[in-house]
């Protein structure tokens, strides 16, 4: 359908509703004296009077000036069948724009409304259709926010538990180290006792060896002579001293110490199970 249009006009706060500065939007002749909110157009006094006589426009809201603030006046479209009539109405039954004459003739008894009201009505329907989606989007947003908060709580809780566990491990390691040092000292005491015992025994054996030296030298000296009295005297001297040396025990200790460190199985299991994880939900 071919329609005639007029340019888009943008009115801003800087170009307020000075209606007198506009021409009438209906007759395009006289200067406008008021503004029809429902038609979104300026009217002169004559067109305003006509506006009041027609049933369709009798209840329109008319102001002395155009409302301030940004407002967009869409291109004016004219009826193809009635070229002098603007397409100011919307027939919901046929889902198309109509003029007043078409609405009274071809679209009689159809549900219709002015375009401005129809736009507001359809937007309300759109808002109603979008309401479940908005509700779902809001629920999704809250759910994501809640899960983001939970992730932060999980991170803080994990850090706290690991820190606490690390402190327990450090304390346990310190106690184990202390116990280790105590056991080492006990082992060293036992081995030092045995070591000292062996050392004293070795010292006695060395002293016994030193006492053998004079006798050995005397015996070698006697072997080099043929003087019987000297040989007999040497033998008598050796025999006398050997009686004292024979009583000295040069053997090593009969037993050697055997140290074992016994680790209690229950203690080890207790250490391995010093902490347990308990999972709950809240």
C-alpha atoms as a PDB file:
ATOM      1  CA  UNK A   1       0.000   0.000   0.000  1.00  0.00           C
ATOM      2  CA  UNK A   2       1.412   3.399  -1.018  1.00  0.00           C
ATOM      3  CA  UNK A   3       1.221   6.005   1.725  1.00  0.00           C
ATOM      4  CA  UNK A   4       2.342   9.604   1.964  1.00  0.00           C
ATOM      5  CA  UNK A   5       4.584  10.567   4.846  1.00  0.00           C
ATOM      6  CA  UNK A   6       5.804  13.778   6.416  1.00  0.00           C
ATOM      7  CA  UNK A   7       9.318  14.194   7.837  1.00  0.00           C
ATOM      8  CA  UNK A   8      10.245  13.090  11.349  1.00  0.00           C
ATOM      9  CA  UNK A   9      10.267  16.001  13.792  1.00  0.00           C
ATOM     10  CA  UNK A  10      12.255  15.814  17.040  1.00  0.00           C
ATOM     11  CA  UNK A  11      11.229  18.184  19.845  1.00  0.00           C
ATOM     12  CA  UNK A  12      13.650  18.577  22.746  1.00  0.00           C
ATOM     13  CA  UNK A  13      13.821  20.516  25.983  1.00  0.00           C
ATOM     14  CA  UNK A  14      15.739  23.179  24.112  1.00  0.00           C
ATOM     15  CA  UNK A  15      12.852  23.409  21.609  1.00  0.00           C
ATOM     16  CA  UNK A  16      10.032  23.224  24.157  1.00  0.00           C
ATOM     17  CA  UNK A  17       6.363  23.059  23.439  1.00  0.00           C
ATOM     18  CA  UNK A  18       6.025  26.491  21.991  1.00  0.00           C
ATOM     19  CA  UNK A  19       2.894  25.464  20.108  1.00  0.00           C
ATOM     20  CA  UNK A  20       2.344  28.971  18.697  1.00  0.00           C
ATOM     21  CA  UNK A  21       5.613  28.595  16.772  1.00  0.00           C
ATOM     22  CA  UNK A  22       4.178  25.580  14.916  1.00  0.00           C
ATOM     23  CA  UNK A  23       1.641  25.256  12.131  1.00  0.00           C
ATOM     24  CA  UNK A  24      -1.473  23.219  12.620  1.00  0.00           C
ATOM     25  CA  UNK A  25      -0.760  19.585  11.856  1.00  0.00           C
ATOM     26  CA  UNK A  26      -4.223  18.992  10.406  1.00  0.00           C
ATOM     27  CA  UNK A  27      -4.889  21.895   8.037  1.00  0.00           C
ATOM     28  CA  UNK A  28      -1.284  22.995   7.556  1.00  0.00           C
ATOM     29  CA  UNK A  29      -2.519  26.576   7.439  1.00  0.00           C
ATOM     30  CA  UNK A  30      -3.113  28.540  10.612  1.00  0.00           C
ATOM     31  CA  UNK A  31      -0.717  28.657  13.502  1.00  0.00           C
ATOM     32  CA  UNK A  32      -1.297  26.032  16.161  1.00  0.00           C
ATOM     33  CA  UNK A  33      -2.792  27.064  19.487  1.00  0.00           C
ATOM     34  CA  UNK A  34      -2.723  23.751  21.385  1.00  0.00           C
ATOM     35  CA  UNK A  35      -1.302  20.202  21.382  1.00  0.00           C
ATOM     36  CA  UNK A  36      -3.251  16.939  21.204  1.00  0.00           C
ATOM     37  CA  UNK A  37      -1.420  14.370  23.305  1.00  0.00           C
ATOM     38  CA  UNK A  38      -3.241  11.386  21.820  1.00  0.00           C
ATOM     39  CA  UNK A  39      -2.644  12.453  18.215  1.00  0.00           C
ATOM     40  CA  UNK A  40       0.820  13.871  19.003  1.00  0.00           C
ATOM     41  CA  UNK A  41       0.175  16.903  16.774  1.00  0.00           C
ATOM     42  CA  UNK A  42      -0.413  20.634  17.002  1.00  0.00           C
ATOM     43  CA  UNK A  43      -3.930  21.998  16.366  1.00  0.00           C
ATOM     44  CA  UNK A  44      -5.288  25.409  15.458  1.00  0.00           C
ATOM     45  CA  UNK A  45      -8.499  26.746  17.014  1.00  0.00           C
ATOM     46  CA  UNK A  46     -10.662  25.583  14.088  1.00  0.00           C
ATOM     47  CA  UNK A  47      -9.223  22.079  14.032  1.00  0.00           C
ATOM     48  CA  UNK A  48      -9.552  21.894  17.812  1.00  0.00           C
ATOM     49  CA  UNK A  49     -13.258  22.666  17.472  1.00  0.00           C
ATOM     50  CA  UNK A  50     -13.556  19.921  14.838  1.00  0.00           C
ATOM     51  CA  UNK A  51     -11.592  17.640  17.165  1.00  0.00           C
ATOM     52  CA  UNK A  52     -14.233  18.211  19.826  1.00  0.00           C
ATOM     53  CA  UNK A  53     -17.135  17.433  17.474  1.00  0.00           C
ATOM     54  CA  UNK A  54     -15.870  14.062  16.204  1.00  0.00           C
ATOM     55  CA  UNK A  55     -16.723  11.115  18.459  1.00  0.00           C
ATOM     56  CA  UNK A  56     -13.353   9.419  17.987  1.00  0.00           C
ATOM     57  CA  UNK A  57     -11.345  12.463  19.065  1.00  0.00           C
ATOM     58  CA  UNK A  58     -13.756  14.096  21.491  1.00  0.00           C
ATOM     59  CA  UNK A  59     -12.043  12.592  24.568  1.00  0.00           C
ATOM     60  CA  UNK A  60      -8.466  13.323  23.479  1.00  0.00           C
ATOM     61  CA  UNK A  61      -6.170  15.066  25.936  1.00  0.00           C
ATOM     62  CA  UNK A  62      -5.416  18.595  24.742  1.00  0.00           C
ATOM     63  CA  UNK A  63      -2.713  20.807  26.257  1.00  0.00           C
ATOM     64  CA  UNK A  64      -1.888  24.483  25.814  1.00  0.00           C
ATOM     65  CA  UNK A  65       1.704  23.525  24.996  1.00  0.00           C
ATOM     66  CA  UNK A  66       3.598  20.491  23.849  1.00  0.00           C
ATOM     67  CA  UNK A  67       4.952  18.480  26.841  1.00  0.00           C
ATOM     68  CA  UNK A  68       8.571  19.277  27.629  1.00  0.00           C
ATOM     69  CA  UNK A  69      11.314  16.676  27.286  1.00  0.00           C
ATOM     70  CA  UNK A  70      12.383  14.598  24.323  1.00  0.00           C
ATOM     71  CA  UNK A  71       9.524  13.384  22.201  1.00  0.00           C
ATOM     72  CA  UNK A  72       9.531  11.809  18.791  1.00  0.00           C
ATOM     73  CA  UNK A  73       6.840  12.585  16.273  1.00  0.00           C
ATOM     74  CA  UNK A  74       6.790   9.709  13.802  1.00  0.00           C
ATOM     75  CA  UNK A  75       6.217  10.292  10.084  1.00  0.00           C
ATOM     76  CA  UNK A  76       2.583  11.065   9.305  1.00  0.00           C
ATOM     77  CA  UNK A  77       1.063   8.402   7.080  1.00  0.00           C
ATOM     78  CA  UNK A  78      -2.008   9.016   4.916  1.00  0.00           C
ATOM     79  CA  UNK A  79      -4.671   6.585   3.795  1.00  0.00           C
ATOM     80  CA  UNK A  80      -4.421   5.247   0.245  1.00  0.00           C
ATOM     81  CA  UNK A  81      -8.216   5.185  -0.077  1.00  0.00           C
ATOM     82  CA  UNK A  82      -8.811   8.528   1.659  1.00  0.00           C
ATOM     83  CA  UNK A  83      -5.653  10.505   0.849  1.00  0.00           C
ATOM     84  CA  UNK A  84      -6.638  13.447   3.042  1.00  0.00           C
ATOM     85  CA  UNK A  85      -7.018  11.241   6.138  1.00  0.00           C
ATOM     86  CA  UNK A  86      -4.072  10.281   8.306  1.00  0.00           C
ATOM     87  CA  UNK A  87      -3.613   6.712   9.456  1.00  0.00           C
ATOM     88  CA  UNK A  88      -4.118   7.542  13.124  1.00  0.00           C
ATOM     89  CA  UNK A  89      -5.936   4.379  14.125  1.00  0.00           C
ATOM     90  CA  UNK A  90      -4.906   0.751  14.470  1.00  0.00           C
ATOM     91  CA  UNK A  91      -7.371  -2.038  13.821  1.00  0.00           C
ATOM     92  CA  UNK A  92      -6.515  -4.930  16.122  1.00  0.00           C
ATOM     93  CA  UNK A  93      -8.908  -7.250  14.289  1.00  0.00           C
ATOM     94  CA  UNK A  94      -7.064  -6.746  10.984  1.00  0.00           C
ATOM     95  CA  UNK A  95      -3.711  -5.810  12.501  1.00  0.00           C
ATOM     96  CA  UNK A  96      -3.273  -2.756  10.283  1.00  0.00           C
ATOM     97  CA  UNK A  97      -3.271   1.035  10.397  1.00  0.00           C
ATOM     98  CA  UNK A  98      -6.530   2.731   9.391  1.00  0.00           C
ATOM     99  CA  UNK A  99      -7.946   6.206   9.002  1.00  0.00           C
ATOM    100  CA  UNK A 100     -11.148   7.386  10.611  1.00  0.00           C
ATOM    101  CA  UNK A 101     -13.203   6.879   7.451  1.00  0.00           C
ATOM    102  CA  UNK A 102     -11.907   3.325   6.883  1.00  0.00           C
ATOM    103  CA  UNK A 103     -12.574   2.434  10.495  1.00  0.00           C
ATOM    104  CA  UNK A 104     -16.196   3.632  10.236  1.00  0.00           C
ATOM    105  CA  UNK A 105     -16.700   1.860   6.920  1.00  0.00           C
ATOM    106  CA  UNK A 106     -14.668  -1.255   6.114  1.00  0.00           C
ATOM    107  CA  UNK A 107     -13.600  -1.905   9.716  1.00  0.00           C
ATOM    108  CA  UNK A 108     -16.886  -1.210  11.425  1.00  0.00           C
ATOM    109  CA  UNK A 109     -17.352  -3.089  14.722  1.00  0.00           C
ATOM    110  CA  UNK A 110     -13.663  -4.091  14.708  1.00  0.00           C
ATOM    111  CA  UNK A 111     -11.588  -3.578  17.826  1.00  0.00           C
ATOM    112  CA  UNK A 112      -9.388  -0.525  17.333  1.00  0.00           C
ATOM    113  CA  UNK A 113      -7.649   2.303  19.105  1.00  0.00           C
ATOM    114  CA  UNK A 114      -5.503   5.321  18.375  1.00  0.00           C
ATOM    115  CA  UNK A 115      -1.979   4.466  17.396  1.00  0.00           C
ATOM    116  CA  UNK A 116      -0.447   6.052  20.499  1.00  0.00           C
ATOM    117  CA  UNK A 117      -2.771   4.100  22.778  1.00  0.00           C
ATOM    118  CA  UNK A 118      -2.340   0.949  20.707  1.00  0.00           C
ATOM    119  CA  UNK A 119       1.436   1.223  21.023  1.00  0.00           C
ATOM    120  CA  UNK A 120       1.114   1.585  24.786  1.00  0.00           C
ATOM    121  CA  UNK A 121      -1.310  -1.352  24.923  1.00  0.00           C
ATOM    122  CA  UNK A 122       0.875  -3.610  22.785  1.00  0.00           C
ATOM    123  CA  UNK A 123       3.927  -2.656  24.837  1.00  0.00           C
ATOM    124  CA  UNK A 124       2.052  -3.682  27.959  1.00  0.00           C
ATOM    125  CA  UNK A 125       1.286  -7.022  26.310  1.00  0.00           C
ATOM    126  CA  UNK A 126       4.956  -7.312  25.366  1.00  0.00           C
ATOM    127  CA  UNK A 127       5.946  -6.560  28.942  1.00  0.00           C
ATOM    128  CA  UNK A 128       3.484  -9.200  30.139  1.00  0.00           C
ATOM    129  CA  UNK A 129       4.973 -11.731  27.704  1.00  0.00           C
ATOM    130  CA  UNK A 130       8.475 -10.837  28.830  1.00  0.00           C
ATOM    131  CA  UNK A 131       7.642 -11.009  32.521  1.00  0.00           C
ATOM    132  CA  UNK A 132       8.333 -14.782  32.863  1.00  0.00           C
ATOM    133  CA  UNK A 133      11.644 -14.315  31.038  1.00  0.00           C
ATOM    134  CA  UNK A 134      12.552 -11.353  33.236  1.00  0.00           C
ATOM    135  CA  UNK A 135      11.662 -13.387  36.294  1.00  0.00           C
ATOM    136  CA  UNK A 136      13.756 -16.272  35.017  1.00  0.00           C
ATOM    137  CA  UNK A 137      16.653 -13.930  34.206  1.00  0.00           C
ATOM    138  CA  UNK A 138      16.437 -12.412  37.676  1.00  0.00           C
ATOM    139  CA  UNK A 139      16.351 -15.879  39.230  1.00  0.00           C
ATOM    140  CA  UNK A 140      19.354 -16.863  37.106  1.00  0.00           C
ATOM    141  CA  UNK A 141      21.189 -13.697  38.147  1.00  0.00           C
ATOM    142  CA  UNK A 142      20.500 -14.379  41.807  1.00  0.00           C
ATOM    143  CA  UNK A 143      21.493 -18.012  41.377  1.00  0.00           C
ATOM    144  CA  UNK A 144      24.795 -17.038  39.744  1.00  0.00           C
ATOM    145  CA  UNK A 145      25.407 -14.444  42.452  1.00  0.00           C
ATOM    146  CA  UNK A 146      24.688 -17.033  45.119  1.00  0.00           C
ATOM    147  CA  UNK A 147      27.027 -19.547  43.504  1.00  0.00           C
ATOM    148  CA  UNK A 148      29.730 -16.894  43.132  1.00  0.00           C
ATOM    149  CA  UNK A 149      29.365 -16.196  46.858  1.00  0.00           C
ATOM    150  CA  UNK A 150      29.568 -19.920  47.570  1.00  0.00           C
ATOM    151  CA  UNK A 151      32.777 -20.177  45.551  1.00  0.00           C
ATOM    152  CA  UNK A 152      34.259 -17.363  47.634  1.00  0.00           C
ATOM    153  CA  UNK A 153      33.124 -19.057  50.847  1.00  0.00           C
ATOM    154  CA  UNK A 154      34.606 -22.356  49.631  1.00  0.00           C
ATOM    155  CA  UNK A 155      37.929 -20.673  48.877  1.00  0.00           C
ATOM    156  CA  UNK A 156      38.067 -19.038  52.324  1.00  0.00           C
ATOM    157  CA  UNK A 157      37.012 -22.262  54.070  1.00  0.00           C
ATOM    158  CA  UNK A 158      39.563 -24.317  52.120  1.00  0.00           C
ATOM    159  CA  UNK A 159      42.333 -21.853  52.951  1.00  0.00           C
ATOM    160  CA  UNK A 160      41.381 -21.851  56.645  1.00  0.00           C
ATOM    161  CA  UNK A 161      41.269 -25.667  56.911  1.00  0.00           C
ATOM    162  CA  UNK A 162      44.582 -26.098  55.072  1.00  0.00           C
ATOM    163  CA  UNK A 163      46.196 -23.481  57.307  1.00  0.00           C
ATOM    164  CA  UNK A 164      44.869 -25.171  60.438  1.00  0.00           C
ATOM    165  CA  UNK A 165      45.968 -28.586  59.186  1.00  0.00           C
ATOM    166  CA  UNK A 166      49.428 -27.203  58.389  1.00  0.00           C
ATOM    167  CA  UNK A 167      49.728 -25.895  61.944  1.00  0.00           C
ATOM    168  CA  UNK A 168      48.779 -29.332  63.310  1.00  0.00           C
ATOM    169  CA  UNK A 169      51.323 -30.978  61.032  1.00  0.00           C
ATOM    170  CA  UNK A 170      54.011 -28.520  62.121  1.00  0.00           C
ATOM    171  CA  UNK A 171      53.206 -29.204  65.764  1.00  0.00           C
ATOM    172  CA  UNK A 172      53.269 -32.948  65.152  1.00  0.00           C
ATOM    173  CA  UNK A 173      56.581 -32.676  63.313  1.00  0.00           C
ATOM    174  CA  UNK A 174      58.014 -30.658  66.188  1.00  0.00           C
ATOM    175  CA  UNK A 175      56.904 -33.290  68.703  1.00  0.00           C
ATOM    176  CA  UNK A 176      58.269 -36.099  66.523  1.00  0.00           C
ATOM    177  CA  UNK A 177      61.559 -34.245  66.164  1.00  0.00           C
ATOM    178  CA  UNK A 178      61.760 -33.772  69.918  1.00  0.00           C
ATOM    179  CA  UNK A 179      61.044 -37.441  70.519  1.00  0.00           C
ATOM    180  CA  UNK A 180      63.579 -38.377  67.843  1.00  0.00           C
ATOM    181  CA  UNK A 181      66.240 -36.315  69.588  1.00  0.00           C
ATOM    182  CA  UNK A 182      65.401 -37.942  72.943  1.00  0.00           C
ATOM    183  CA  UNK A 183      65.725 -41.450  71.460  1.00  0.00           C
ATOM    184  CA  UNK A 184      69.018 -40.499  69.788  1.00  0.00           C
ATOM    185  CA  UNK A 185      70.399 -39.327  73.127  1.00  0.00           C
ATOM    186  CA  UNK A 186      69.332 -42.575  74.810  1.00  0.00           C
ATOM    187  CA  UNK A 187      70.964 -44.604  72.040  1.00  0.00           C
ATOM    188  CA  UNK A 188      74.137 -42.570  72.306  1.00  0.00           C
ATOM    189  CA  UNK A 189      74.267 -43.117  76.090  1.00  0.00           C
ATOM    190  CA  UNK A 190      73.926 -46.880  75.675  1.00  0.00           C
ATOM    191  CA  UNK A 191      76.595 -47.034  72.961  1.00  0.00           C
ATOM    192  CA  UNK A 192      78.916 -44.754  74.883  1.00  0.00           C
ATOM    193  CA  UNK A 193      78.711 -47.105  77.888  1.00  0.00           C
ATOM    194  CA  UNK A 194      79.591 -50.057  75.705  1.00  0.00           C
ATOM    195  CA  UNK A 195      82.271 -48.077  73.911  1.00  0.00           C
ATOM    196  CA  UNK A 196      83.873 -47.037  77.220  1.00  0.00           C
ATOM    197  CA  UNK A 197      83.789 -50.648  78.452  1.00  0.00           C
ATOM    198  CA  UNK A 198      85.624 -51.824  75.355  1.00  0.00           C
ATOM    199  CA  UNK A 199      88.082 -48.946  75.562  1.00  0.00           C
ATOM    200  CA  UNK A 200      88.990 -49.787  79.164  1.00  0.00           C
ATOM    201  CA  UNK A 201      89.408 -53.430  78.209  1.00  0.00           C
ATOM    202  CA  UNK A 202      91.674 -52.471  75.328  1.00  0.00           C
ATOM    203  CA  UNK A 203      93.756 -50.297  77.636  1.00  0.00           C
ATOM    204  CA  UNK A 204      94.281 -53.204  80.036  1.00  0.00           C
ATOM    205  CA  UNK A 205      95.270 -55.497  77.157  1.00  0.00           C
ATOM    206  CA  UNK A 206      97.771 -52.894  75.914  1.00  0.00           C
ATOM    207  CA  UNK A 207      99.252 -52.627  79.405  1.00  0.00           C
ATOM    208  CA  UNK A 208      99.536 -56.414  79.490  1.00  0.00           C
ATOM    209  CA  UNK A 209     101.358 -56.299  76.167  1.00  0.00           C
ATOM    210  CA  UNK A 210     103.750 -53.698  77.582  1.00  0.00           C
ATOM    211  CA  UNK A 211     104.486 -55.953  80.559  1.00  0.00           C
ATOM    212  CA  UNK A 212     105.458 -58.732  78.152  1.00  0.00           C
ATOM    213  CA  UNK A 213     108.209 -56.665  76.601  1.00  0.00           C
ATOM    214  CA  UNK A 214     110.792 -56.959  79.469  1.00  0.00           C
ATOM    215  CA  UNK A 215     110.214 -60.665  79.772  1.00  0.00           C
ATOM    216  CA  UNK A 216     110.595 -61.171  76.056  1.00  0.00           C
ATOM    217  CA  UNK A 217     113.803 -59.163  75.999  1.00  0.00           C
ATOM    218  CA  UNK A 218     115.190 -61.105  79.015  1.00  0.00           C
ATOM    219  CA  UNK A 219     114.360 -64.413  77.372  1.00  0.00           C
ATOM    220  CA  UNK A 220     116.053 -63.392  74.109  1.00  0.00           C
ATOM    221  CA  UNK A 221     119.106 -62.257  76.037  1.00  0.00           C
ATOM    222  CA  UNK A 222     119.279 -65.590  77.925  1.00  0.00           C
ATOM    223  CA  UNK A 223     119.043 -67.513  74.662  1.00  0.00           C
ATOM    224  CA  UNK A 224     122.193 -65.855  73.474  1.00  0.00           C
ATOM    225  CA  UNK A 225     124.305 -67.159  76.420  1.00  0.00           C
ATOM    226  CA  UNK A 226     125.579 -70.590  77.381  1.00  0.00           C
ATOM    227  CA  UNK A 227     125.920 -69.751  81.038  1.00  0.00           C
ATOM    228  CA  UNK A 228     123.674 -72.196  82.807  1.00  0.00           C
ATOM    229  CA  UNK A 229     123.304 -70.209  86.027  1.00  0.00           C
ATOM    230  CA  UNK A 230     122.222 -67.194  83.995  1.00  0.00           C
ATOM    231  CA  UNK A 231     119.701 -69.304  82.020  1.00  0.00           C
ATOM    232  CA  UNK A 232     118.288 -70.862  85.163  1.00  0.00           C
ATOM    233  CA  UNK A 233     117.946 -67.425  86.801  1.00  0.00           C
ATOM    234  CA  UNK A 234     116.186 -66.036  83.746  1.00  0.00           C
ATOM    235  CA  UNK A 235     113.727 -68.904  83.717  1.00  0.00           C
ATOM    236  CA  UNK A 236     113.050 -68.403  87.411  1.00  0.00           C
ATOM    237  CA  UNK A 237     112.403 -64.685  86.855  1.00  0.00           C
ATOM    238  CA  UNK A 238     110.101 -65.306  83.871  1.00  0.00           C
ATOM    239  CA  UNK A 239     108.178 -67.990  85.721  1.00  0.00           C
ATOM    240  CA  UNK A 240     107.644 -65.713  88.710  1.00  0.00           C
ATOM    241  CA  UNK A 241     106.316 -62.835  86.619  1.00  0.00           C
ATOM    242  CA  UNK A 242     104.168 -65.083  84.429  1.00  0.00           C
ATOM    243  CA  UNK A 243     102.144 -66.099  87.481  1.00  0.00           C
ATOM    244  CA  UNK A 244     100.931 -62.498  87.772  1.00  0.00           C
ATOM    245  CA  UNK A 245     100.336 -62.065  84.025  1.00  0.00           C
ATOM    246  CA  UNK A 246      98.338 -65.270  83.617  1.00  0.00           C
ATOM    247  CA  UNK A 247      95.646 -63.907  85.924  1.00  0.00           C
ATOM    248  CA  UNK A 248      95.075 -60.967  83.543  1.00  0.00           C
ATOM    249  CA  UNK A 249      92.186 -61.644  81.084  1.00  0.00           C
ATOM    250  CA  UNK A 250      93.020 -60.336  77.632  1.00  0.00           C
ATOM    251  CA  UNK A 251      89.899 -61.634  75.976  1.00  0.00           C
ATOM    252  CA  UNK A 252      87.310 -59.168  74.596  1.00  0.00           C
ATOM    253  CA  UNK A 253      83.928 -58.858  76.320  1.00  0.00           C
ATOM    254  CA  UNK A 254      81.960 -62.035  75.988  1.00  0.00           C
ATOM    255  CA  UNK A 255      78.851 -60.252  74.788  1.00  0.00           C
ATOM    256  CA  UNK A 256      78.264 -57.310  72.491  1.00  0.00           C
ATOM    257  CA  UNK A 257      75.444 -54.897  73.073  1.00  0.00           C
ATOM    258  CA  UNK A 258      72.433 -55.239  70.751  1.00  0.00           C
ATOM    259  CA  UNK A 259      70.253 -52.128  70.534  1.00  0.00           C
ATOM    260  CA  UNK A 260      66.855 -52.173  68.843  1.00  0.00           C
ATOM    261  CA  UNK A 261      64.357 -49.359  68.395  1.00  0.00           C
ATOM    262  CA  UNK A 262      60.827 -50.690  68.623  1.00  0.00           C
ATOM    263  CA  UNK A 263      58.098 -48.570  67.077  1.00  0.00           C
ATOM    264  CA  UNK A 264      54.634 -49.248  68.381  1.00  0.00           C
ATOM    265  CA  UNK A 265      52.266 -50.039  65.522  1.00  0.00           C
ATOM    266  CA  UNK A 266      49.337 -48.375  67.243  1.00  0.00           C
ATOM    267  CA  UNK A 267      51.360 -45.202  67.685  1.00  0.00           C
ATOM    268  CA  UNK A 268      52.219 -45.128  63.990  1.00  0.00           C
ATOM    269  CA  UNK A 269      48.608 -45.730  63.025  1.00  0.00           C
ATOM    270  CA  UNK A 270      47.571 -42.989  65.423  1.00  0.00           C
ATOM    271  CA  UNK A 271      49.942 -40.568  63.723  1.00  0.00           C
ATOM    272  CA  UNK A 272      48.719 -41.598  60.284  1.00  0.00           C
ATOM    273  CA  UNK A 273      45.133 -40.991  61.395  1.00  0.00           C
ATOM    274  CA  UNK A 274      45.745 -37.833  63.381  1.00  0.00           C
ATOM    275  CA  UNK A 275      43.115 -35.986  61.266  1.00  0.00           C
ATOM    276  CA  UNK A 276      39.967 -37.190  59.563  1.00  0.00           C
ATOM    277  CA  UNK A 277      37.689 -35.461  57.061  1.00  0.00           C
ATOM    278  CA  UNK A 278      34.039 -35.109  57.989  1.00  0.00           C
ATOM    279  CA  UNK A 279      31.755 -33.833  55.241  1.00  0.00           C
ATOM    280  CA  UNK A 280      28.448 -32.225  56.024  1.00  0.00           C
ATOM    281  CA  UNK A 281      26.015 -29.945  54.219  1.00  0.00           C
ATOM    282  CA  UNK A 282      24.272 -26.837  55.326  1.00  0.00           C
END
